[in-house]
Amino acid sequence: MNAQGRIETGNLETALFTRYPAAFAAFSRQCRADKIRAGQIWYWHDARPALGFMVLRESPFGATRLRYMESVLLSLARDYQRDGVTSAAIVLPRSDLEEIKQMIERWLGKVALPVTVYE
């Protein structure tokens, strides 16, 4: 996701948007209100399972920033219990796959949070 609140156009994003339009609307409102920044996770707890929006870019254009991905993973590893996260499914961006996999292992490999990674 991006900090401007614009929806990505991948198959997963489209399917989630169709199923949870209120979550995407709330996310967009929070972005427009300047309450969400790149490198953060924003949770929508009204869905089951809850949705976590990983904000990996400042705008809808350009590549994922590795520093934002690392910030998101660090936050998830540090705060998952406080945030009520019991498992995570992470869809990898299309770029920098090997570096991102290493980050996931570095930050989430040592915590008790079950993580599934989708390429």
PDB file of N, CA and C in Angstrom:
ATOM      1  N   MET A   1       0.844  -1.172   0.000  1.00  0.00           N
ATOM      2  CA  MET A   1       0.000   0.000   0.000  1.00  0.00           C
ATOM      3  C   MET A   1       0.889   1.234   0.000  1.00  0.00           C
ATOM      4  N   ASN A   2       0.262   2.359  -0.215  1.00  0.00           N
ATOM      5  CA  ASN A   2       1.010   3.607  -0.228  1.00  0.00           C
ATOM      6  C   ASN A   2       0.367   4.630   0.697  1.00  0.00           C
ATOM      7  N   ALA A   3       1.161   5.619   1.101  1.00  0.00           N
ATOM      8  CA  ALA A   3       0.725   6.586   2.100  1.00  0.00           C
ATOM      9  C   ALA A   3      -0.268   7.616   1.563  1.00  0.00           C
ATOM     10  N   GLN A   4      -0.575   7.569   0.272  1.00  0.00           N
ATOM     11  CA  GLN A   4      -1.597   8.457  -0.274  1.00  0.00           C
ATOM     12  C   GLN A   4      -2.976   7.804  -0.254  1.00  0.00           C
ATOM     13  N   GLY A   5      -3.014   6.524   0.124  1.00  0.00           N
ATOM     14  CA  GLY A   5      -4.290   5.831   0.259  1.00  0.00           C
ATOM     15  C   GLY A   5      -4.868   5.320  -1.044  1.00  0.00           C
ATOM     16  N   ARG A   6      -4.097   5.362  -2.096  1.00  0.00           N
ATOM     17  CA  ARG A   6      -4.588   4.851  -3.380  1.00  0.00           C
ATOM     18  C   ARG A   6      -4.433   3.341  -3.415  1.00  0.00           C
ATOM     19  N   ILE A   7      -5.407   2.680  -3.995  1.00  0.00           N
ATOM     20  CA  ILE A   7      -5.435   1.225  -4.032  1.00  0.00           C
ATOM     21  C   ILE A   7      -4.497   0.710  -5.108  1.00  0.00           C
ATOM     22  N   GLU A   8      -3.725  -0.299  -4.751  1.00  0.00           N
ATOM     23  CA  GLU A   8      -2.870  -0.975  -5.717  1.00  0.00           C
ATOM     24  C   GLU A   8      -3.765  -1.785  -6.664  1.00  0.00           C
ATOM     25  N   THR A   9      -3.220  -2.249  -7.776  1.00  0.00           N
ATOM     26  CA  THR A   9      -4.058  -2.884  -8.791  1.00  0.00           C
ATOM     27  C   THR A   9      -3.826  -4.378  -8.956  1.00  0.00           C
ATOM     28  N   GLY A  10      -3.174  -5.025  -8.012  1.00  0.00           N
ATOM     29  CA  GLY A  10      -2.932  -6.457  -8.114  1.00  0.00           C
ATOM     30  C   GLY A  10      -4.187  -7.264  -7.852  1.00  0.00           C
ATOM     31  N   ASN A  11      -4.127  -8.545  -8.163  1.00  0.00           N
ATOM     32  CA  ASN A  11      -5.268  -9.439  -7.963  1.00  0.00           C
ATOM     33  C   ASN A  11      -5.691  -9.519  -6.501  1.00  0.00           C
ATOM     34  N   LEU A  12      -4.731  -9.616  -5.601  1.00  0.00           N
ATOM     35  CA  LEU A  12      -5.057  -9.710  -4.180  1.00  0.00           C
ATOM     36  C   LEU A  12      -5.727  -8.428  -3.689  1.00  0.00           C
ATOM     37  N   GLU A  13      -5.160  -7.293  -4.049  1.00  0.00           N
ATOM     38  CA  GLU A  13      -5.738  -6.024  -3.614  1.00  0.00           C
ATOM     39  C   GLU A  13      -7.160  -5.860  -4.136  1.00  0.00           C
ATOM     40  N   THR A  14      -7.374  -6.239  -5.383  1.00  0.00           N
ATOM     41  CA  THR A  14      -8.713  -6.133  -5.978  1.00  0.00           C
ATOM     42  C   THR A  14      -9.694  -7.039  -5.248  1.00  0.00           C
ATOM     43  N   ALA A  15      -9.282  -8.262  -4.951  1.00  0.00           N
ATOM     44  CA  ALA A  15     -10.167  -9.193  -4.233  1.00  0.00           C
ATOM     45  C   ALA A  15     -10.484  -8.694  -2.830  1.00  0.00           C
ATOM     46  N   LEU A  16      -9.471  -8.176  -2.130  1.00  0.00           N
ATOM     47  CA  LEU A  16      -9.704  -7.650  -0.786  1.00  0.00           C
ATOM     48  C   LEU A  16     -10.581  -6.403  -0.818  1.00  0.00           C
ATOM     49  N   PHE A  17     -10.363  -5.538  -1.811  1.00  0.00           N
ATOM     50  CA  PHE A  17     -11.182  -4.338  -1.945  1.00  0.00           C
ATOM     51  C   PHE A  17     -12.644  -4.702  -2.181  1.00  0.00           C
ATOM     52  N   THR A  18     -12.867  -5.717  -2.991  1.00  0.00           N
ATOM     53  CA  THR A  18     -14.234  -6.168  -3.262  1.00  0.00           C
ATOM     54  C   THR A  18     -14.887  -6.710  -2.000  1.00  0.00           C
ATOM     55  N   ARG A  19     -14.125  -7.426  -1.195  1.00  0.00           N
ATOM     56  CA  ARG A  19     -14.678  -8.044   0.013  1.00  0.00           C
ATOM     57  C   ARG A  19     -14.771  -7.079   1.197  1.00  0.00           C
ATOM     58  N   TYR A  20     -13.826  -6.133   1.289  1.00  0.00           N
ATOM     59  CA  TYR A  20     -13.750  -5.230   2.440  1.00  0.00           C
ATOM     60  C   TYR A  20     -13.671  -3.759   2.003  1.00  0.00           C
ATOM     61  N   PRO A  21     -14.648  -3.258   1.291  1.00  0.00           N
ATOM     62  CA  PRO A  21     -14.559  -1.862   0.822  1.00  0.00           C
ATOM     63  C   PRO A  21     -14.479  -0.854   1.962  1.00  0.00           C
ATOM     64  N   ALA A  22     -15.107  -1.138   3.091  1.00  0.00           N
ATOM     65  CA  ALA A  22     -15.061  -0.206   4.225  1.00  0.00           C
ATOM     66  C   ALA A  22     -13.634  -0.067   4.763  1.00  0.00           C
ATOM     67  N   ALA A  23     -12.875  -1.151   4.755  1.00  0.00           N
ATOM     68  CA  ALA A  23     -11.487  -1.098   5.236  1.00  0.00           C
ATOM     69  C   ALA A  23     -10.660  -0.181   4.339  1.00  0.00           C
ATOM     70  N   PHE A  24     -10.824  -0.316   3.042  1.00  0.00           N
ATOM     71  CA  PHE A  24     -10.061   0.511   2.108  1.00  0.00           C
ATOM     72  C   PHE A  24     -10.494   1.970   2.187  1.00  0.00           C
ATOM     73  N   ALA A  25     -11.769   2.202   2.391  1.00  0.00           N
ATOM     74  CA  ALA A  25     -12.263   3.578   2.535  1.00  0.00           C
ATOM     75  C   ALA A  25     -11.692   4.215   3.797  1.00  0.00           C
ATOM     76  N   ALA A  26     -11.686   3.472   4.900  1.00  0.00           N
ATOM     77  CA  ALA A  26     -11.139   3.994   6.156  1.00  0.00           C
ATOM     78  C   ALA A  26      -9.641   4.249   6.023  1.00  0.00           C
ATOM     79  N   PHE A  27      -8.935   3.342   5.377  1.00  0.00           N
ATOM     80  CA  PHE A  27      -7.497   3.525   5.156  1.00  0.00           C
ATOM     81  C   PHE A  27      -7.246   4.793   4.347  1.00  0.00           C
ATOM     82  N   SER A  28      -7.991   4.977   3.274  1.00  0.00           N
ATOM     83  CA  SER A  28      -7.823   6.171   2.435  1.00  0.00           C
ATOM     84  C   SER A  28      -8.099   7.452   3.219  1.00  0.00           C
ATOM     85  N   ARG A  29      -9.140   7.440   4.052  1.00  0.00           N
ATOM     86  CA  ARG A  29      -9.452   8.620   4.872  1.00  0.00           C
ATOM     87  C   ARG A  29      -8.302   8.940   5.826  1.00  0.00           C
ATOM     88  N   GLN A  30      -7.746   7.905   6.455  1.00  0.00           N
ATOM     89  CA  GLN A  30      -6.637   8.112   7.386  1.00  0.00           C
ATOM     90  C   GLN A  30      -5.409   8.671   6.652  1.00  0.00           C
ATOM     91  N   CYS A  31      -5.171   8.186   5.445  1.00  0.00           N
ATOM     92  CA  CYS A  31      -4.039   8.694   4.655  1.00  0.00           C
ATOM     93  C   CYS A  31      -4.261  10.159   4.289  1.00  0.00           C
ATOM     94  N   ARG A  32      -5.463  10.492   3.826  1.00  0.00           N
ATOM     95  CA  ARG A  32      -5.758  11.884   3.452  1.00  0.00           C
ATOM     96  C   ARG A  32      -5.678  12.821   4.656  1.00  0.00           C
ATOM     97  N   ALA A  33      -5.955  12.301   5.837  1.00  0.00           N
ATOM     98  CA  ALA A  33      -5.854  13.098   7.061  1.00  0.00           C
ATOM     99  C   ALA A  33      -4.411  13.163   7.575  1.00  0.00           C
ATOM    100  N   ASP A  34      -3.487  12.583   6.814  1.00  0.00           N
ATOM    101  CA  ASP A  34      -2.063  12.592   7.150  1.00  0.00           C
ATOM    102  C   ASP A  34      -1.757  11.858   8.451  1.00  0.00           C
ATOM    103  N   LYS A  35      -2.521  10.807   8.753  1.00  0.00           N
ATOM    104  CA  LYS A  35      -2.307  10.025   9.969  1.00  0.00           C
ATOM    105  C   LYS A  35      -1.511   8.753   9.723  1.00  0.00           C
ATOM    106  N   ILE A  36      -1.259   8.453   8.459  1.00  0.00           N
ATOM    107  CA  ILE A  36      -0.517   7.244   8.107  1.00  0.00           C
ATOM    108  C   ILE A  36       0.689   7.646   7.272  1.00  0.00           C
ATOM    109  N   ARG A  37       1.832   7.096   7.608  1.00  0.00           N
ATOM    110  CA  ARG A  37       3.079   7.379   6.908  1.00  0.00           C
ATOM    111  C   ARG A  37       3.655   6.081   6.343  1.00  0.00           C
ATOM    112  N   ALA A  38       4.484   6.228   5.343  1.00  0.00           N
ATOM    113  CA  ALA A  38       5.193   5.072   4.796  1.00  0.00           C
ATOM    114  C   ALA A  38       6.057   4.469   5.899  1.00  0.00           C
ATOM    115  N   GLY A  39       6.093   3.148   5.955  1.00  0.00           N
ATOM    116  CA  GLY A  39       6.855   2.434   6.974  1.00  0.00           C
ATOM    117  C   GLY A  39       6.017   2.015   8.170  1.00  0.00           C
ATOM    118  N   GLN A  40       4.705   2.240   8.099  1.00  0.00           N
ATOM    119  CA  GLN A  40       3.810   1.871   9.188  1.00  0.00           C
ATOM    120  C   GLN A  40       2.888   0.734   8.763  1.00  0.00           C
ATOM    121  N   ILE A  41       2.278   0.097   9.764  1.00  0.00           N
ATOM    122  CA  ILE A  41       1.206  -0.870   9.532  1.00  0.00           C
ATOM    123  C   ILE A  41      -0.068  -0.239  10.076  1.00  0.00           C
ATOM    124  N   TRP A  42      -1.126  -0.325   9.301  1.00  0.00           N
ATOM    125  CA  TRP A  42      -2.432   0.153   9.745  1.00  0.00           C
ATOM    126  C   TRP A  42      -3.375  -1.053   9.766  1.00  0.00           C
ATOM    127  N   TYR A  43      -4.055  -1.252  10.893  1.00  0.00           N
ATOM    128  CA  TYR A  43      -4.913  -2.433  11.062  1.00  0.00           C
ATOM    129  C   TYR A  43      -6.382  -2.068  10.942  1.00  0.00           C
ATOM    130  N   TRP A  44      -7.124  -2.958  10.313  1.00  0.00           N
ATOM    131  CA  TRP A  44      -8.580  -2.897  10.239  1.00  0.00           C
ATOM    132  C   TRP A  44      -9.079  -4.113  11.004  1.00  0.00           C
ATOM    133  N   HIS A  45      -9.555  -3.889  12.238  1.00  0.00           N
ATOM    134  CA  HIS A  45      -9.954  -4.988  13.117  1.00  0.00           C
ATOM    135  C   HIS A  45     -11.405  -5.407  12.938  1.00  0.00           C
ATOM    136  N   ASP A  46     -12.170  -4.701  12.106  1.00  0.00           N
ATOM    137  CA  ASP A  46     -13.572  -5.064  11.921  1.00  0.00           C
ATOM    138  C   ASP A  46     -13.757  -6.263  10.999  1.00  0.00           C
ATOM    139  N   ALA A  47     -12.712  -6.712  10.342  1.00  0.00           N
ATOM    140  CA  ALA A  47     -12.773  -7.893   9.476  1.00  0.00           C
ATOM    141  C   ALA A  47     -12.283  -9.102  10.263  1.00  0.00           C
ATOM    142  N   ARG A  48     -12.708 -10.275   9.866  1.00  0.00           N
ATOM    143  CA  ARG A  48     -12.221 -11.523  10.440  1.00  0.00           C
ATOM    144  C   ARG A  48     -11.712 -12.394   9.311  1.00  0.00           C
ATOM    145  N   PRO A  49     -10.424 -12.617   9.195  1.00  0.00           N
ATOM    146  CA  PRO A  49      -9.374 -12.106  10.064  1.00  0.00           C
ATOM    147  C   PRO A  49      -9.154 -10.608   9.846  1.00  0.00           C
ATOM    148  N   ALA A  50      -8.516  -9.968  10.817  1.00  0.00           N
ATOM    149  CA  ALA A  50      -8.207  -8.542  10.693  1.00  0.00           C
ATOM    150  C   ALA A  50      -7.241  -8.343   9.525  1.00  0.00           C
ATOM    151  N   LEU A  51      -7.288  -7.168   8.946  1.00  0.00           N
ATOM    152  CA  LEU A  51      -6.394  -6.830   7.841  1.00  0.00           C
ATOM    153  C   LEU A  51      -5.321  -5.872   8.336  1.00  0.00           C
ATOM    154  N   GLY A  52      -4.108  -6.085   7.901  1.00  0.00           N
ATOM    155  CA  GLY A  52      -3.017  -5.164   8.188  1.00  0.00           C
ATOM    156  C   GLY A  52      -2.504  -4.609   6.874  1.00  0.00           C
ATOM    157  N   PHE A  53      -2.547  -3.308   6.741  1.00  0.00           N
ATOM    158  CA  PHE A  53      -2.069  -2.641   5.532  1.00  0.00           C
ATOM    159  C   PHE A  53      -0.618  -2.222   5.772  1.00  0.00           C
ATOM    160  N   MET A  54       0.313  -2.837   5.054  1.00  0.00           N
ATOM    161  CA  MET A  54       1.716  -2.470   5.153  1.00  0.00           C
ATOM    162  C   MET A  54       1.946  -1.317   4.177  1.00  0.00           C
ATOM    163  N   VAL A  55       2.331  -0.177   4.684  1.00  0.00           N
ATOM    164  CA  VAL A  55       2.515   1.011   3.855  1.00  0.00           C
ATOM    165  C   VAL A  55       3.980   1.066   3.443  1.00  0.00           C
ATOM    166  N   LEU A  56       4.233   0.696   2.185  1.00  0.00           N
ATOM    167  CA  LEU A  56       5.603   0.501   1.717  1.00  0.00           C
ATOM    168  C   LEU A  56       6.095   1.566   0.749  1.00  0.00           C
ATOM    169  N   ARG A  57       5.222   2.499   0.403  1.00  0.00           N
ATOM    170  CA  ARG A  57       5.615   3.584  -0.505  1.00  0.00           C
ATOM    171  C   ARG A  57       4.908   4.862  -0.081  1.00  0.00           C
ATOM    172  N   GLU A  58       5.516   5.991  -0.417  1.00  0.00           N
ATOM    173  CA  GLU A  58       4.885   7.275  -0.134  1.00  0.00           C
ATOM    174  C   GLU A  58       3.800   7.593  -1.148  1.00  0.00           C
ATOM    175  N   SER A  59       3.976   7.122  -2.377  1.00  0.00           N
ATOM    176  CA  SER A  59       3.010   7.405  -3.438  1.00  0.00           C
ATOM    177  C   SER A  59       2.702   6.118  -4.182  1.00  0.00           C
ATOM    178  N   PRO A  60       1.663   6.126  -5.031  1.00  0.00           N
ATOM    179  CA  PRO A  60       1.325   4.905  -5.761  1.00  0.00           C
ATOM    180  C   PRO A  60       2.302   4.572  -6.884  1.00  0.00           C
ATOM    181  N   PHE A  61       3.276   5.415  -7.102  1.00  0.00           N
ATOM    182  CA  PHE A  61       4.207   5.221  -8.217  1.00  0.00           C
ATOM    183  C   PHE A  61       5.588   4.846  -7.698  1.00  0.00           C
ATOM    184  N   GLY A  62       6.303   4.062  -8.465  1.00  0.00           N
ATOM    185  CA  GLY A  62       7.659   3.706  -8.089  1.00  0.00           C
ATOM    186  C   GLY A  62       7.732   2.395  -7.337  1.00  0.00           C
ATOM    187  N   ALA A  63       8.949   2.028  -7.004  1.00  0.00           N
ATOM    188  CA  ALA A  63       9.220   0.745  -6.351  1.00  0.00           C
ATOM    189  C   ALA A  63       9.006   0.840  -4.845  1.00  0.00           C
ATOM    190  N   THR A  64       8.826  -0.315  -4.246  1.00  0.00           N
ATOM    191  CA  THR A  64       8.766  -0.425  -2.791  1.00  0.00           C
ATOM    192  C   THR A  64      10.107   0.023  -2.221  1.00  0.00           C
ATOM    193  N   ARG A  65      10.051   0.776  -1.159  1.00  0.00           N
ATOM    194  CA  ARG A  65      11.279   1.222  -0.503  1.00  0.00           C
ATOM    195  C   ARG A  65      11.654   0.196   0.568  1.00  0.00           C
ATOM    196  N   LEU A  66      12.875  -0.316   0.474  1.00  0.00           N
ATOM    197  CA  LEU A  66      13.320  -1.334   1.420  1.00  0.00           C
ATOM    198  C   LEU A  66      13.333  -0.807   2.847  1.00  0.00           C
ATOM    199  N   ARG A  67      13.638   0.459   3.035  1.00  0.00           N
ATOM    200  CA  ARG A  67      13.652   1.008   4.400  1.00  0.00           C
ATOM    201  C   ARG A  67      12.258   0.988   5.008  1.00  0.00           C
ATOM    202  N   TYR A  68      11.226   1.173   4.176  1.00  0.00           N
ATOM    203  CA  TYR A  68       9.861   1.115   4.685  1.00  0.00           C
ATOM    204  C   TYR A  68       9.466  -0.322   5.007  1.00  0.00           C
ATOM    205  N   MET A  69       9.889  -1.262   4.178  1.00  0.00           N
ATOM    206  CA  MET A  69       9.604  -2.669   4.439  1.00  0.00           C
ATOM    207  C   MET A  69      10.263  -3.094   5.748  1.00  0.00           C
ATOM    208  N   GLU A  70      11.495  -2.674   5.953  1.00  0.00           N
ATOM    209  CA  GLU A  70      12.197  -3.039   7.187  1.00  0.00           C
ATOM    210  C   GLU A  70      11.505  -2.422   8.405  1.00  0.00           C
ATOM    211  N   SER A  71      11.052  -1.197   8.286  1.00  0.00           N
ATOM    212  CA  SER A  71      10.339  -0.545   9.388  1.00  0.00           C
ATOM    213  C   SER A  71       9.052  -1.286   9.728  1.00  0.00           C
ATOM    214  N   VAL A  72       8.312  -1.723   8.701  1.00  0.00           N
ATOM    215  CA  VAL A  72       7.073  -2.474   8.915  1.00  0.00           C
ATOM    216  C   VAL A  72       7.368  -3.799   9.608  1.00  0.00           C
ATOM    217  N   LEU A  73       8.375  -4.510   9.146  1.00  0.00           N
ATOM    218  CA  LEU A  73       8.711  -5.806   9.739  1.00  0.00           C
ATOM    219  C   LEU A  73       9.194  -5.657  11.179  1.00  0.00           C
ATOM    220  N   LEU A  74       9.989  -4.646  11.450  1.00  0.00           N
ATOM    221  CA  LEU A  74      10.446  -4.386  12.816  1.00  0.00           C
ATOM    222  C   LEU A  74       9.252  -4.095  13.727  1.00  0.00           C
ATOM    223  N   SER A  75       8.321  -3.270  13.248  1.00  0.00           N
ATOM    224  CA  SER A  75       7.122  -2.959  14.044  1.00  0.00           C
ATOM    225  C   SER A  75       6.295  -4.206  14.309  1.00  0.00           C
ATOM    226  N   LEU A  76       6.130  -5.030  13.294  1.00  0.00           N
ATOM    227  CA  LEU A  76       5.357  -6.253  13.449  1.00  0.00           C
ATOM    228  C   LEU A  76       6.022  -7.175  14.472  1.00  0.00           C
ATOM    229  N   ALA A  77       7.330  -7.363  14.358  1.00  0.00           N
ATOM    230  CA  ALA A  77       8.055  -8.235  15.293  1.00  0.00           C
ATOM    231  C   ALA A  77       7.995  -7.704  16.720  1.00  0.00           C
ATOM    232  N   ARG A  78       8.070  -6.410  16.873  1.00  0.00           N
ATOM    233  CA  ARG A  78       8.092  -5.793  18.198  1.00  0.00           C
ATOM    234  C   ARG A  78       6.708  -5.708  18.840  1.00  0.00           C
ATOM    235  N   ASP A  79       5.687  -5.425  18.027  1.00  0.00           N
ATOM    236  CA  ASP A  79       4.376  -5.055  18.569  1.00  0.00           C
ATOM    237  C   ASP A  79       3.250  -6.051  18.304  1.00  0.00           C
ATOM    238  N   TYR A  80       3.537  -7.200  17.718  1.00  0.00           N
ATOM    239  CA  TYR A  80       2.446  -8.077  17.314  1.00  0.00           C
ATOM    240  C   TYR A  80       1.570  -8.510  18.487  1.00  0.00           C
ATOM    241  N   GLN A  81       2.152  -8.774  19.646  1.00  0.00           N
ATOM    242  CA  GLN A  81       1.343  -9.178  20.799  1.00  0.00           C
ATOM    243  C   GLN A  81       0.463  -8.025  21.278  1.00  0.00           C
ATOM    244  N   ARG A  82       1.024  -6.849  21.377  1.00  0.00           N
ATOM    245  CA  ARG A  82       0.262  -5.669  21.797  1.00  0.00           C
ATOM    246  C   ARG A  82      -0.883  -5.372  20.827  1.00  0.00           C
ATOM    247  N   ASP A  83      -0.633  -5.578  19.523  1.00  0.00           N
ATOM    248  CA  ASP A  83      -1.636  -5.282  18.499  1.00  0.00           C
ATOM    249  C   ASP A  83      -2.638  -6.421  18.299  1.00  0.00           C
ATOM    250  N   GLY A  84      -2.463  -7.529  19.030  1.00  0.00           N
ATOM    251  CA  GLY A  84      -3.396  -8.641  18.930  1.00  0.00           C
ATOM    252  C   GLY A  84      -3.231  -9.492  17.683  1.00  0.00           C
ATOM    253  N   VAL A  85      -2.064  -9.461  17.072  1.00  0.00           N
ATOM    254  CA  VAL A  85      -1.797 -10.250  15.867  1.00  0.00           C
ATOM    255  C   VAL A  85      -1.400 -11.655  16.292  1.00  0.00           C
ATOM    256  N   THR A  86      -2.138 -12.663  15.819  1.00  0.00           N
ATOM    257  CA  THR A  86      -1.838 -14.049  16.189  1.00  0.00           C
ATOM    258  C   THR A  86      -1.170 -14.825  15.059  1.00  0.00           C
ATOM    259  N   SER A  87      -1.253 -14.314  13.848  1.00  0.00           N
ATOM    260  CA  SER A  87      -0.534 -14.880  12.705  1.00  0.00           C
ATOM    261  C   SER A  87      -0.518 -13.816  11.615  1.00  0.00           C
ATOM    262  N   ALA A  88       0.396 -13.975  10.672  1.00  0.00           N
ATOM    263  CA  ALA A  88       0.513 -12.986   9.599  1.00  0.00           C
ATOM    264  C   ALA A  88       0.702 -13.692   8.268  1.00  0.00           C
ATOM    265  N   ALA A  89       0.065 -13.155   7.258  1.00  0.00           N
ATOM    266  CA  ALA A  89       0.276 -13.579   5.873  1.00  0.00           C
ATOM    267  C   ALA A  89       0.813 -12.363   5.139  1.00  0.00           C
ATOM    268  N   ILE A  90       1.995 -12.499   4.581  1.00  0.00           N
ATOM    269  CA  ILE A  90       2.655 -11.383   3.915  1.00  0.00           C
ATOM    270  C   ILE A  90       2.781 -11.707   2.436  1.00  0.00           C
ATOM    271  N   VAL A  91       2.278 -10.810   1.622  1.00  0.00           N
ATOM    272  CA  VAL A  91       2.422 -10.929   0.174  1.00  0.00           C
ATOM    273  C   VAL A  91       3.612 -10.066  -0.223  1.00  0.00           C
ATOM    274  N   LEU A  92       4.602 -10.693  -0.824  1.00  0.00           N
ATOM    275  CA  LEU A  92       5.815  -9.963  -1.177  1.00  0.00           C
ATOM    276  C   LEU A  92       5.578  -9.055  -2.378  1.00  0.00           C
ATOM    277  N   PRO A  93       6.170  -7.868  -2.339  1.00  0.00           N
ATOM    278  CA  PRO A  93       6.135  -7.011  -3.524  1.00  0.00           C
ATOM    279  C   PRO A  93       6.942  -7.655  -4.642  1.00  0.00           C
ATOM    280  N   ARG A  94       6.794  -7.175  -5.832  1.00  0.00           N
ATOM    281  CA  ARG A  94       7.432  -7.806  -6.996  1.00  0.00           C
ATOM    282  C   ARG A  94       8.925  -7.533  -7.102  1.00  0.00           C
ATOM    283  N   SER A  95       9.402  -6.522  -6.395  1.00  0.00           N
ATOM    284  CA  SER A  95      10.817  -6.164  -6.522  1.00  0.00           C
ATOM    285  C   SER A  95      11.582  -6.537  -5.250  1.00  0.00           C
ATOM    286  N   ASP A  96      12.882  -6.695  -5.402  1.00  0.00           N
ATOM    287  CA  ASP A  96      13.791  -6.932  -4.267  1.00  0.00           C
ATOM    288  C   ASP A  96      13.419  -8.150  -3.427  1.00  0.00           C
ATOM    289  N   LEU A  97      12.980  -9.218  -4.065  1.00  0.00           N
ATOM    290  CA  LEU A  97      12.475 -10.386  -3.335  1.00  0.00           C
ATOM    291  C   LEU A  97      13.491 -10.973  -2.366  1.00  0.00           C
ATOM    292  N   GLU A  98      14.710 -11.174  -2.812  1.00  0.00           N
ATOM    293  CA  GLU A  98      15.696 -11.820  -1.945  1.00  0.00           C
ATOM    294  C   GLU A  98      16.022 -10.962  -0.736  1.00  0.00           C
ATOM    295  N   GLU A  99      16.165  -9.665  -0.931  1.00  0.00           N
ATOM    296  CA  GLU A  99      16.453  -8.779   0.196  1.00  0.00           C
ATOM    297  C   GLU A  99      15.295  -8.758   1.190  1.00  0.00           C
ATOM    298  N   ILE A 100      14.076  -8.756   0.686  1.00  0.00           N
ATOM    299  CA  ILE A 100      12.903  -8.726   1.561  1.00  0.00           C
ATOM    300  C   ILE A 100      12.770 -10.047   2.322  1.00  0.00           C
ATOM    301  N   LYS A 101      13.040 -11.167   1.659  1.00  0.00           N
ATOM    302  CA  LYS A 101      13.013 -12.458   2.347  1.00  0.00           C
ATOM    303  C   LYS A 101      14.028 -12.480   3.489  1.00  0.00           C
ATOM    304  N   GLN A 102      15.211 -11.911   3.264  1.00  0.00           N
ATOM    305  CA  GLN A 102      16.225 -11.845   4.317  1.00  0.00           C
ATOM    306  C   GLN A 102      15.748 -10.975   5.481  1.00  0.00           C
ATOM    307  N   MET A 103      15.072  -9.874   5.168  1.00  0.00           N
ATOM    308  CA  MET A 103      14.528  -9.012   6.225  1.00  0.00           C
ATOM    309  C   MET A 103      13.466  -9.750   7.039  1.00  0.00           C
ATOM    310  N   ILE A 104      12.607 -10.484   6.355  1.00  0.00           N
ATOM    311  CA  ILE A 104      11.562 -11.240   7.051  1.00  0.00           C
ATOM    312  C   ILE A 104      12.203 -12.239   7.996  1.00  0.00           C
ATOM    313  N   GLU A 105      13.216 -12.932   7.532  1.00  0.00           N
ATOM    314  CA  GLU A 105      13.915 -13.898   8.381  1.00  0.00           C
ATOM    315  C   GLU A 105      14.590 -13.192   9.550  1.00  0.00           C
ATOM    316  N   ARG A 106      15.225 -12.057   9.281  1.00  0.00           N
ATOM    317  CA  ARG A 106      15.936 -11.315  10.335  1.00  0.00           C
ATOM    318  C   ARG A 106      14.975 -10.832  11.425  1.00  0.00           C
ATOM    319  N   TRP A 107      13.840 -10.257  11.054  1.00  0.00           N
ATOM    320  CA  TRP A 107      12.951  -9.649  12.035  1.00  0.00           C
ATOM    321  C   TRP A 107      11.875 -10.585  12.570  1.00  0.00           C
ATOM    322  N   LEU A 108      11.385 -11.488  11.752  1.00  0.00           N
ATOM    323  CA  LEU A 108      10.280 -12.345  12.181  1.00  0.00           C
ATOM    324  C   LEU A 108      10.699 -13.786  12.453  1.00  0.00           C
ATOM    325  N   GLY A 109      11.915 -14.147  12.079  1.00  0.00           N
ATOM    326  CA  GLY A 109      12.380 -15.508  12.274  1.00  0.00           C
ATOM    327  C   GLY A 109      12.593 -15.896  13.725  1.00  0.00           C
ATOM    328  N   LYS A 110      12.725 -14.915  14.599  1.00  0.00           N
ATOM    329  CA  LYS A 110      13.031 -15.199  16.004  1.00  0.00           C
ATOM    330  C   LYS A 110      11.852 -14.973  16.940  1.00  0.00           C
ATOM    331  N   VAL A 111      10.694 -14.587  16.398  1.00  0.00           N
ATOM    332  CA  VAL A 111       9.528 -14.358  17.255  1.00  0.00           C
ATOM    333  C   VAL A 111       8.561 -15.527  17.105  1.00  0.00           C
ATOM    334  N   ALA A 112       7.642 -15.649  18.030  1.00  0.00           N
ATOM    335  CA  ALA A 112       6.702 -16.781  18.057  1.00  0.00           C
ATOM    336  C   ALA A 112       5.502 -16.580  17.126  1.00  0.00           C
ATOM    337  N   LEU A 113       5.503 -15.533  16.354  1.00  0.00           N
ATOM    338  CA  LEU A 113       4.388 -15.237  15.449  1.00  0.00           C
ATOM    339  C   LEU A 113       4.461 -16.136  14.212  1.00  0.00           C
ATOM    340  N   PRO A 114       3.417 -16.944  13.958  1.00  0.00           N
ATOM    341  CA  PRO A 114       3.404 -17.733  12.718  1.00  0.00           C
ATOM    342  C   PRO A 114       3.236 -16.802  11.510  1.00  0.00           C
ATOM    343  N   VAL A 115       4.135 -16.939  10.537  1.00  0.00           N
ATOM    344  CA  VAL A 115       4.137 -16.078   9.350  1.00  0.00           C
ATOM    345  C   VAL A 115       4.129 -16.943   8.107  1.00  0.00           C
ATOM    346  N   THR A 116       3.201 -16.634   7.206  1.00  0.00           N
ATOM    347  CA  THR A 116       3.160 -17.266   5.880  1.00  0.00           C
ATOM    348  C   THR A 116       3.527 -16.203   4.862  1.00  0.00           C
ATOM    349  N   VAL A 117       4.452 -16.528   3.966  1.00  0.00           N
ATOM    350  CA  VAL A 117       4.902 -15.573   2.965  1.00  0.00           C
ATOM    351  C   VAL A 117       4.440 -16.059   1.593  1.00  0.00           C
ATOM    352  N   TYR A 118       3.798 -15.168   0.849  1.00  0.00           N
ATOM    353  CA  TYR A 118       3.332 -15.463  -0.509  1.00  0.00           C
ATOM    354  C   TYR A 118       4.141 -14.635  -1.493  1.00  0.00           C
ATOM    355  N   GLU A 119       4.607 -15.301  -2.548  1.00  0.00           N
ATOM    356  CA  GLU A 119       5.344 -14.589  -3.598  1.00  0.00           C
ATOM    357  C   GLU A 119       4.426 -14.232  -4.737  1.00  0.00           C
TER     358      GLU A 119
END
